[in-house]
Amino acid sequence: MSAAPTRVPQQERSRATQARLLEATVDCLVRYGWSGTTTTVVAAHAGVSRGAQLHHYPTKAALVTAAVAHLAERRAEELRVEAEALPVGPQRLDRVIDLLGAAFTGPLFVAALELWVAARTDPELRGALVPLEARVGREMHRLTVALLDVDERRPGVREAVQATLDLLRGLGVANLLNDDSARRTALLHTWKRQLAALLTPGPHPPHDQPGPTPTGPTQPDAHRTARP
């Protein structure tokens, strides 16, 4: 007698459907851009019915922002796992910058750029994207501080970390239309040396004397994004 087929619980099927939709959305954004990524195209790409897609994500804005959040969380977790193999000592900084540089040239970054440009003239998308990007940006900043193993309370460290993320983001944009790897490698080689000097602990001001006056907010710019 053959065994009865095992029924997959509804909640598990729902999670699997959502995962297929989110992965397909990022893939479509990379392949077809914002205008070509319709909810119908995504559903077909994911092998999901149109009704199931609408049930989970009733609007395009909801679908694409959920997809980017999903992939950002997954990539951040991958970076944490990769960080476990990072060397200690001077080589660590080099490897961290290389890991982050790869994140700013990957599919998640390309998909995010499509949304940033579209959100400029799409109020619904902008309303959904701005808080997401603020959260992702803060998380990437915290992750970079942890990967570099630096104390952000020291003067200049927060600014050095944010400058690194801004540089990597800009180099990622420059790499979109053609292979910019040679120039990027040369620039990052120079920046690694400068960053190492900026992050090297120096003498601290005495406790009975005021420290330097802060020149910016205590948290990274909420509207800046730092995507793997």
C-alpha atoms as a PDB file:
ATOM      1  CA  MET A   1       0.000   0.000   0.000  1.00  0.00           C
ATOM      2  CA  SER A   2       1.438   3.365  -0.978  1.00  0.00           C
ATOM      3  CA  ALA A   3       1.789   6.014   1.695  1.00  0.00           C
ATOM      4  CA  ALA A   4      -0.641   8.911   1.619  1.00  0.00           C
ATOM      5  CA  PRO A   5       0.896  12.138   0.277  1.00  0.00           C
ATOM      6  CA  THR A   6       2.124  14.500   2.957  1.00  0.00           C
ATOM      7  CA  ARG A   7       0.144  17.723   3.070  1.00  0.00           C
ATOM      8  CA  VAL A   8       2.157  20.907   3.375  1.00  0.00           C
ATOM      9  CA  PRO A   9       0.684  23.242   6.016  1.00  0.00           C
ATOM     10  CA  GLN A  10      -0.985  26.351   4.643  1.00  0.00           C
ATOM     11  CA  GLN A  11       1.388  28.694   6.486  1.00  0.00           C
ATOM     12  CA  GLU A  12       4.415  26.957   4.988  1.00  0.00           C
ATOM     13  CA  ARG A  13       2.919  27.105   1.484  1.00  0.00           C
ATOM     14  CA  SER A  14       2.215  30.794   1.999  1.00  0.00           C
ATOM     15  CA  ARG A  15       5.818  31.481   3.023  1.00  0.00           C
ATOM     16  CA  ALA A  16       7.102  29.562   0.010  1.00  0.00           C
ATOM     17  CA  THR A  17       4.840  31.569  -2.310  1.00  0.00           C
ATOM     18  CA  GLN A  18       6.034  34.836  -0.809  1.00  0.00           C
ATOM     19  CA  ALA A  19       9.674  33.801  -1.170  1.00  0.00           C
ATOM     20  CA  ARG A  20       9.200  32.939  -4.853  1.00  0.00           C
ATOM     21  CA  LEU A  21       7.515  36.282  -5.476  1.00  0.00           C
ATOM     22  CA  LEU A  22      10.218  38.264  -3.709  1.00  0.00           C
ATOM     23  CA  GLU A  23      13.089  36.506  -5.480  1.00  0.00           C
ATOM     24  CA  ALA A  24      11.337  36.890  -8.827  1.00  0.00           C
ATOM     25  CA  THR A  25      10.747  40.598  -8.197  1.00  0.00           C
ATOM     26  CA  VAL A  26      14.433  41.348  -7.660  1.00  0.00           C
ATOM     27  CA  ASP A  27      15.337  39.256 -10.704  1.00  0.00           C
ATOM     28  CA  CYS A  28      12.816  41.152 -12.832  1.00  0.00           C
ATOM     29  CA  LEU A  29      14.047  44.542 -11.594  1.00  0.00           C
ATOM     30  CA  VAL A  30      17.572  43.601 -12.645  1.00  0.00           C
ATOM     31  CA  ARG A  31      16.465  42.170 -15.996  1.00  0.00           C
ATOM     32  CA  TYR A  32      13.697  44.524 -17.069  1.00  0.00           C
ATOM     33  CA  GLY A  33      14.033  47.639 -14.910  1.00  0.00           C
ATOM     34  CA  TRP A  34      11.237  49.377 -13.041  1.00  0.00           C
ATOM     35  CA  SER A  35       8.935  49.938 -16.010  1.00  0.00           C
ATOM     36  CA  GLY A  36       9.208  46.343 -17.211  1.00  0.00           C
ATOM     37  CA  THR A  37       8.647  44.838 -13.757  1.00  0.00           C
ATOM     38  CA  THR A  38       4.870  44.582 -13.673  1.00  0.00           C
ATOM     39  CA  THR A  39       3.050  42.488 -11.118  1.00  0.00           C
ATOM     40  CA  THR A  40       1.825  40.247 -13.947  1.00  0.00           C
ATOM     41  CA  VAL A  41       5.393  39.658 -15.159  1.00  0.00           C
ATOM     42  CA  VAL A  42       6.574  38.910 -11.624  1.00  0.00           C
ATOM     43  CA  ALA A  43       3.758  36.417 -10.998  1.00  0.00           C
ATOM     44  CA  ALA A  44       4.549  34.589 -14.233  1.00  0.00           C
ATOM     45  CA  HIS A  45       8.280  34.624 -13.466  1.00  0.00           C
ATOM     46  CA  ALA A  46       7.621  33.175 -10.005  1.00  0.00           C
ATOM     47  CA  GLY A  47       5.192  30.545 -11.270  1.00  0.00           C
ATOM     48  CA  VAL A  48       2.487  31.981  -9.015  1.00  0.00           C
ATOM     49  CA  SER A  49      -1.102  32.751  -9.905  1.00  0.00           C
ATOM     50  CA  ARG A  50      -2.135  36.362 -10.293  1.00  0.00           C
ATOM     51  CA  GLY A  51      -4.656  35.924  -7.486  1.00  0.00           C
ATOM     52  CA  ALA A  52      -1.999  34.589  -5.100  1.00  0.00           C
ATOM     53  CA  GLN A  53       0.287  37.504  -5.945  1.00  0.00           C
ATOM     54  CA  LEU A  54      -2.469  40.043  -5.248  1.00  0.00           C
ATOM     55  CA  HIS A  55      -3.343  38.278  -2.001  1.00  0.00           C
ATOM     56  CA  HIS A  56       0.175  38.672  -0.618  1.00  0.00           C
ATOM     57  CA  TYR A  57       1.138  41.994  -2.230  1.00  0.00           C
ATOM     58  CA  PRO A  58      -1.845  43.989  -3.515  1.00  0.00           C
ATOM     59  CA  THR A  59       0.241  46.773  -5.118  1.00  0.00           C
ATOM     60  CA  LYS A  60       3.448  46.984  -7.099  1.00  0.00           C
ATOM     61  CA  ALA A  61       4.978  49.307  -4.502  1.00  0.00           C
ATOM     62  CA  ALA A  62       4.260  46.815  -1.719  1.00  0.00           C
ATOM     63  CA  LEU A  63       5.762  43.980  -3.757  1.00  0.00           C
ATOM     64  CA  VAL A  64       9.005  45.672  -4.766  1.00  0.00           C
ATOM     65  CA  THR A  65       9.748  47.199  -1.365  1.00  0.00           C
ATOM     66  CA  ALA A  66       9.119  43.853   0.327  1.00  0.00           C
ATOM     67  CA  ALA A  67      11.444  42.204  -2.189  1.00  0.00           C
ATOM     68  CA  VAL A  68      14.261  44.652  -1.564  1.00  0.00           C
ATOM     69  CA  ALA A  69      13.844  44.357   2.219  1.00  0.00           C
ATOM     70  CA  HIS A  70      13.901  40.555   1.942  1.00  0.00           C
ATOM     71  CA  LEU A  71      17.095  40.477  -0.105  1.00  0.00           C
ATOM     72  CA  ALA A  72      18.783  43.150   2.026  1.00  0.00           C
ATOM     73  CA  GLU A  73      18.191  41.087   5.159  1.00  0.00           C
ATOM     74  CA  ARG A  74      19.458  37.948   3.453  1.00  0.00           C
ATOM     75  CA  ARG A  75      22.599  39.686   2.170  1.00  0.00           C
ATOM     76  CA  ALA A  76      23.303  41.205   5.594  1.00  0.00           C
ATOM     77  CA  GLU A  77      23.129  37.738   7.123  1.00  0.00           C
ATOM     78  CA  GLU A  78      25.498  36.405   4.448  1.00  0.00           C
ATOM     79  CA  LEU A  79      27.950  39.192   5.289  1.00  0.00           C
ATOM     80  CA  ARG A  80      27.798  38.258   8.967  1.00  0.00           C
ATOM     81  CA  VAL A  81      28.584  34.644   8.093  1.00  0.00           C
ATOM     82  CA  GLU A  82      31.439  35.691   5.805  1.00  0.00           C
ATOM     83  CA  ALA A  83      32.769  37.918   8.595  1.00  0.00           C
ATOM     84  CA  GLU A  84      33.456  34.851  10.723  1.00  0.00           C
ATOM     85  CA  ALA A  85      36.276  33.934   8.322  1.00  0.00           C
ATOM     86  CA  LEU A  86      37.822  37.410   8.290  1.00  0.00           C
ATOM     87  CA  PRO A  87      41.460  37.562   9.431  1.00  0.00           C
ATOM     88  CA  VAL A  88      42.578  39.609  12.393  1.00  0.00           C
ATOM     89  CA  GLY A  89      45.108  42.358  12.069  1.00  0.00           C
ATOM     90  CA  PRO A  90      45.811  44.751   9.166  1.00  0.00           C
ATOM     91  CA  GLN A  91      44.368  42.415   6.524  1.00  0.00           C
ATOM     92  CA  ARG A  92      40.911  42.568   8.066  1.00  0.00           C
ATOM     93  CA  LEU A  93      40.161  46.071   6.808  1.00  0.00           C
ATOM     94  CA  ASP A  94      41.138  45.113   3.248  1.00  0.00           C
ATOM     95  CA  ARG A  95      38.843  42.099   3.276  1.00  0.00           C
ATOM     96  CA  VAL A  96      35.929  44.060   4.770  1.00  0.00           C
ATOM     97  CA  ILE A  97      36.134  46.703   2.040  1.00  0.00           C
ATOM     98  CA  ASP A  98      36.292  43.978  -0.604  1.00  0.00           C
ATOM     99  CA  LEU A  99      33.195  42.288   0.829  1.00  0.00           C
ATOM    100  CA  LEU A 100      31.263  45.541   0.948  1.00  0.00           C
ATOM    101  CA  GLY A 101      32.431  46.490  -2.537  1.00  0.00           C
ATOM    102  CA  ALA A 102      30.974  43.254  -3.893  1.00  0.00           C
ATOM    103  CA  ALA A 103      27.672  44.074  -2.193  1.00  0.00           C
ATOM    104  CA  PHE A 104      27.526  47.433  -3.980  1.00  0.00           C
ATOM    105  CA  THR A 105      27.863  45.813  -7.392  1.00  0.00           C
ATOM    106  CA  GLY A 106      25.467  42.907  -6.857  1.00  0.00           C
ATOM    107  CA  PRO A 107      21.865  42.398  -7.963  1.00  0.00           C
ATOM    108  CA  LEU A 108      20.384  43.905  -4.809  1.00  0.00           C
ATOM    109  CA  PHE A 109      22.155  47.207  -5.451  1.00  0.00           C
ATOM    110  CA  VAL A 110      20.981  47.244  -9.089  1.00  0.00           C
ATOM    111  CA  ALA A 111      17.396  46.557  -8.019  1.00  0.00           C
ATOM    112  CA  ALA A 112      17.576  49.279  -5.381  1.00  0.00           C
ATOM    113  CA  LEU A 113      18.816  51.819  -7.913  1.00  0.00           C
ATOM    114  CA  GLU A 114      15.822  51.084 -10.114  1.00  0.00           C
ATOM    115  CA  LEU A 115      13.546  51.893  -7.186  1.00  0.00           C
ATOM    116  CA  TRP A 116      15.402  55.043  -6.165  1.00  0.00           C
ATOM    117  CA  VAL A 117      15.065  56.546  -9.630  1.00  0.00           C
ATOM    118  CA  ALA A 118      11.410  55.522  -9.984  1.00  0.00           C
ATOM    119  CA  ALA A 119      10.536  56.852  -6.510  1.00  0.00           C
ATOM    120  CA  ARG A 120      11.550  60.361  -7.515  1.00  0.00           C
ATOM    121  CA  THR A 121       8.335  60.741  -9.540  1.00  0.00           C
ATOM    122  CA  ASP A 122       6.146  58.049  -7.935  1.00  0.00           C
ATOM    123  CA  PRO A 123       4.655  59.292  -4.619  1.00  0.00           C
ATOM    124  CA  GLU A 124       3.302  55.875  -3.617  1.00  0.00           C
ATOM    125  CA  LEU A 125       6.643  54.173  -4.157  1.00  0.00           C
ATOM    126  CA  ARG A 126       8.505  56.984  -2.445  1.00  0.00           C
ATOM    127  CA  GLY A 127       6.276  56.762   0.606  1.00  0.00           C
ATOM    128  CA  ALA A 128       7.002  53.038   0.917  1.00  0.00           C
ATOM    129  CA  LEU A 129      10.689  53.262   0.042  1.00  0.00           C
ATOM    130  CA  VAL A 130      11.944  56.115   2.240  1.00  0.00           C
ATOM    131  CA  PRO A 131      11.376  54.403   5.630  1.00  0.00           C
ATOM    132  CA  LEU A 132      12.732  51.121   4.256  1.00  0.00           C
ATOM    133  CA  GLU A 133      15.886  52.766   2.968  1.00  0.00           C
ATOM    134  CA  ALA A 134      16.386  54.561   6.288  1.00  0.00           C
ATOM    135  CA  ARG A 135      16.219  51.241   8.133  1.00  0.00           C
ATOM    136  CA  VAL A 136      18.485  49.429   5.678  1.00  0.00           C
ATOM    137  CA  GLY A 137      20.975  52.298   5.736  1.00  0.00           C
ATOM    138  CA  ARG A 138      21.205  52.264   9.527  1.00  0.00           C
ATOM    139  CA  GLU A 139      21.619  48.492   9.569  1.00  0.00           C
ATOM    140  CA  MET A 140      24.391  48.577   6.959  1.00  0.00           C
ATOM    141  CA  HIS A 141      26.189  51.289   8.918  1.00  0.00           C
ATOM    142  CA  ARG A 142      26.006  49.227  12.122  1.00  0.00           C
ATOM    143  CA  LEU A 143      27.132  46.117  10.255  1.00  0.00           C
ATOM    144  CA  THR A 144      30.128  47.940   8.776  1.00  0.00           C
ATOM    145  CA  VAL A 145      31.173  49.183  12.218  1.00  0.00           C
ATOM    146  CA  ALA A 146      30.967  45.599  13.507  1.00  0.00           C
ATOM    147  CA  LEU A 147      32.874  44.168  10.539  1.00  0.00           C
ATOM    148  CA  LEU A 148      35.660  46.721  10.929  1.00  0.00           C
ATOM    149  CA  ASP A 149      35.643  46.113  14.694  1.00  0.00           C
ATOM    150  CA  VAL A 150      35.969  49.811  15.530  1.00  0.00           C
ATOM    151  CA  ASP A 151      34.631  52.002  18.322  1.00  0.00           C
ATOM    152  CA  GLU A 152      32.186  54.495  16.849  1.00  0.00           C
ATOM    153  CA  ARG A 153      32.353  56.608  19.990  1.00  0.00           C
ATOM    154  CA  ARG A 154      35.809  57.817  19.010  1.00  0.00           C
ATOM    155  CA  PRO A 155      35.814  61.138  17.135  1.00  0.00           C
ATOM    156  CA  GLY A 156      35.869  60.724  13.376  1.00  0.00           C
ATOM    157  CA  VAL A 157      35.047  57.011  13.251  1.00  0.00           C
ATOM    158  CA  ARG A 158      31.368  57.434  12.378  1.00  0.00           C
ATOM    159  CA  GLU A 159      32.229  59.863   9.589  1.00  0.00           C
ATOM    160  CA  ALA A 160      34.950  57.557   8.233  1.00  0.00           C
ATOM    161  CA  VAL A 161      32.530  54.614   8.121  1.00  0.00           C
ATOM    162  CA  GLN A 162      29.836  56.661   6.392  1.00  0.00           C
ATOM    163  CA  ALA A 163      32.350  58.073   3.910  1.00  0.00           C
ATOM    164  CA  THR A 164      33.351  54.501   3.059  1.00  0.00           C
ATOM    165  CA  LEU A 165      29.750  53.516   2.375  1.00  0.00           C
ATOM    166  CA  ASP A 166      29.171  56.662   0.302  1.00  0.00           C
ATOM    167  CA  LEU A 167      32.304  55.943  -1.742  1.00  0.00           C
ATOM    168  CA  LEU A 168      31.267  52.342  -2.371  1.00  0.00           C
ATOM    169  CA  ARG A 169      27.782  53.440  -3.390  1.00  0.00           C
ATOM    170  CA  GLY A 170      29.176  55.936  -5.882  1.00  0.00           C
ATOM    171  CA  LEU A 171      31.574  53.384  -7.346  1.00  0.00           C
ATOM    172  CA  GLY A 172      28.674  50.949  -7.662  1.00  0.00           C
ATOM    173  CA  VAL A 173      26.727  53.496  -9.726  1.00  0.00           C
ATOM    174  CA  ALA A 174      29.773  54.118 -11.944  1.00  0.00           C
ATOM    175  CA  ASN A 175      29.960  50.385 -12.624  1.00  0.00           C
ATOM    176  CA  LEU A 176      26.412  50.121 -14.002  1.00  0.00           C
ATOM    177  CA  LEU A 177      26.997  51.011 -17.649  1.00  0.00           C
ATOM    178  CA  ASN A 178      30.417  49.443 -18.138  1.00  0.00           C
ATOM    179  CA  ASP A 179      33.054  47.461 -16.285  1.00  0.00           C
ATOM    180  CA  ASP A 180      34.686  49.951 -13.948  1.00  0.00           C
ATOM    181  CA  SER A 181      36.585  47.341 -11.921  1.00  0.00           C
ATOM    182  CA  ALA A 182      40.102  48.589 -12.735  1.00  0.00           C
ATOM    183  CA  ARG A 183      39.413  52.157 -11.611  1.00  0.00           C
ATOM    184  CA  ARG A 184      37.438  50.936  -8.608  1.00  0.00           C
ATOM    185  CA  THR A 185      40.294  48.667  -7.511  1.00  0.00           C
ATOM    186  CA  ALA A 186      42.810  51.519  -7.728  1.00  0.00           C
ATOM    187  CA  LEU A 187      40.595  53.938  -5.811  1.00  0.00           C
ATOM    188  CA  LEU A 188      39.808  51.412  -3.095  1.00  0.00           C
ATOM    189  CA  HIS A 189      43.500  50.573  -2.723  1.00  0.00           C
ATOM    190  CA  THR A 190      44.158  54.232  -1.913  1.00  0.00           C
ATOM    191  CA  TRP A 191      41.093  54.537   0.321  1.00  0.00           C
ATOM    192  CA  LYS A 192      42.024  51.458   2.339  1.00  0.00           C
ATOM    193  CA  ARG A 193      45.301  53.107   3.368  1.00  0.00           C
ATOM    194  CA  GLN A 194      43.555  56.359   4.251  1.00  0.00           C
ATOM    195  CA  LEU A 195      40.800  54.582   6.150  1.00  0.00           C
ATOM    196  CA  ALA A 196      43.321  52.566   8.156  1.00  0.00           C
ATOM    197  CA  ALA A 197      44.941  55.827   9.258  1.00  0.00           C
ATOM    198  CA  LEU A 198      41.566  57.370  10.142  1.00  0.00           C
ATOM    199  CA  LEU A 199      40.499  54.364  12.196  1.00  0.00           C
ATOM    200  CA  THR A 200      43.782  53.892  14.055  1.00  0.00           C
ATOM    201  CA  PRO A 201      43.206  54.840  17.693  1.00  0.00           C
ATOM    202  CA  GLY A 202      44.976  58.013  18.744  1.00  0.00           C
ATOM    203  CA  PRO A 203      45.294  59.950  22.000  1.00  0.00           C
ATOM    204  CA  HIS A 204      41.982  60.832  23.609  1.00  0.00           C
ATOM    205  CA  PRO A 205      41.260  64.219  25.207  1.00  0.00           C
ATOM    206  CA  PRO A 206      41.539  64.254  29.017  1.00  0.00           C
ATOM    207  CA  HIS A 207      38.279  63.572  30.835  1.00  0.00           C
ATOM    208  CA  ASP A 208      38.295  67.011  32.434  1.00  0.00           C
ATOM    209  CA  GLN A 209      38.495  68.752  29.078  1.00  0.00           C
ATOM    210  CA  PRO A 210      35.686  68.974  26.528  1.00  0.00           C
ATOM    211  CA  GLY A 211      36.071  66.845  23.440  1.00  0.00           C
ATOM    212  CA  PRO A 212      35.649  68.103  19.885  1.00  0.00           C
ATOM    213  CA  THR A 213      32.331  69.667  18.993  1.00  0.00           C
ATOM    214  CA  PRO A 214      30.180  67.236  16.957  1.00  0.00           C
ATOM    215  CA  THR A 215      29.901  68.258  13.343  1.00  0.00           C
ATOM    216  CA  GLY A 216      26.849  66.195  12.391  1.00  0.00           C
ATOM    217  CA  PRO A 217      23.996  64.035  13.669  1.00  0.00           C
ATOM    218  CA  THR A 218      24.730  61.230  16.074  1.00  0.00           C
ATOM    219  CA  GLN A 219      23.272  58.695  13.651  1.00  0.00           C
ATOM    220  CA  PRO A 220      24.015  58.138   9.953  1.00  0.00           C
ATOM    221  CA  ASP A 221      21.876  60.111   7.530  1.00  0.00           C
ATOM    222  CA  ALA A 222      18.523  58.295   7.631  1.00  0.00           C
ATOM    223  CA  HIS A 223      17.958  58.782   3.933  1.00  0.00           C
ATOM    224  CA  ARG A 224      21.269  57.324   2.874  1.00  0.00           C
ATOM    225  CA  THR A 225      21.249  53.733   1.800  1.00  0.00           C
ATOM    226  CA  ALA A 226      23.966  51.171   1.902  1.00  0.00           C
ATOM    227  CA  ARG A 227      22.764  47.997   0.020  1.00  0.00           C
ATOM    228  CA  PRO A 228      24.411  44.539  -0.472  1.00  0.00           C
END
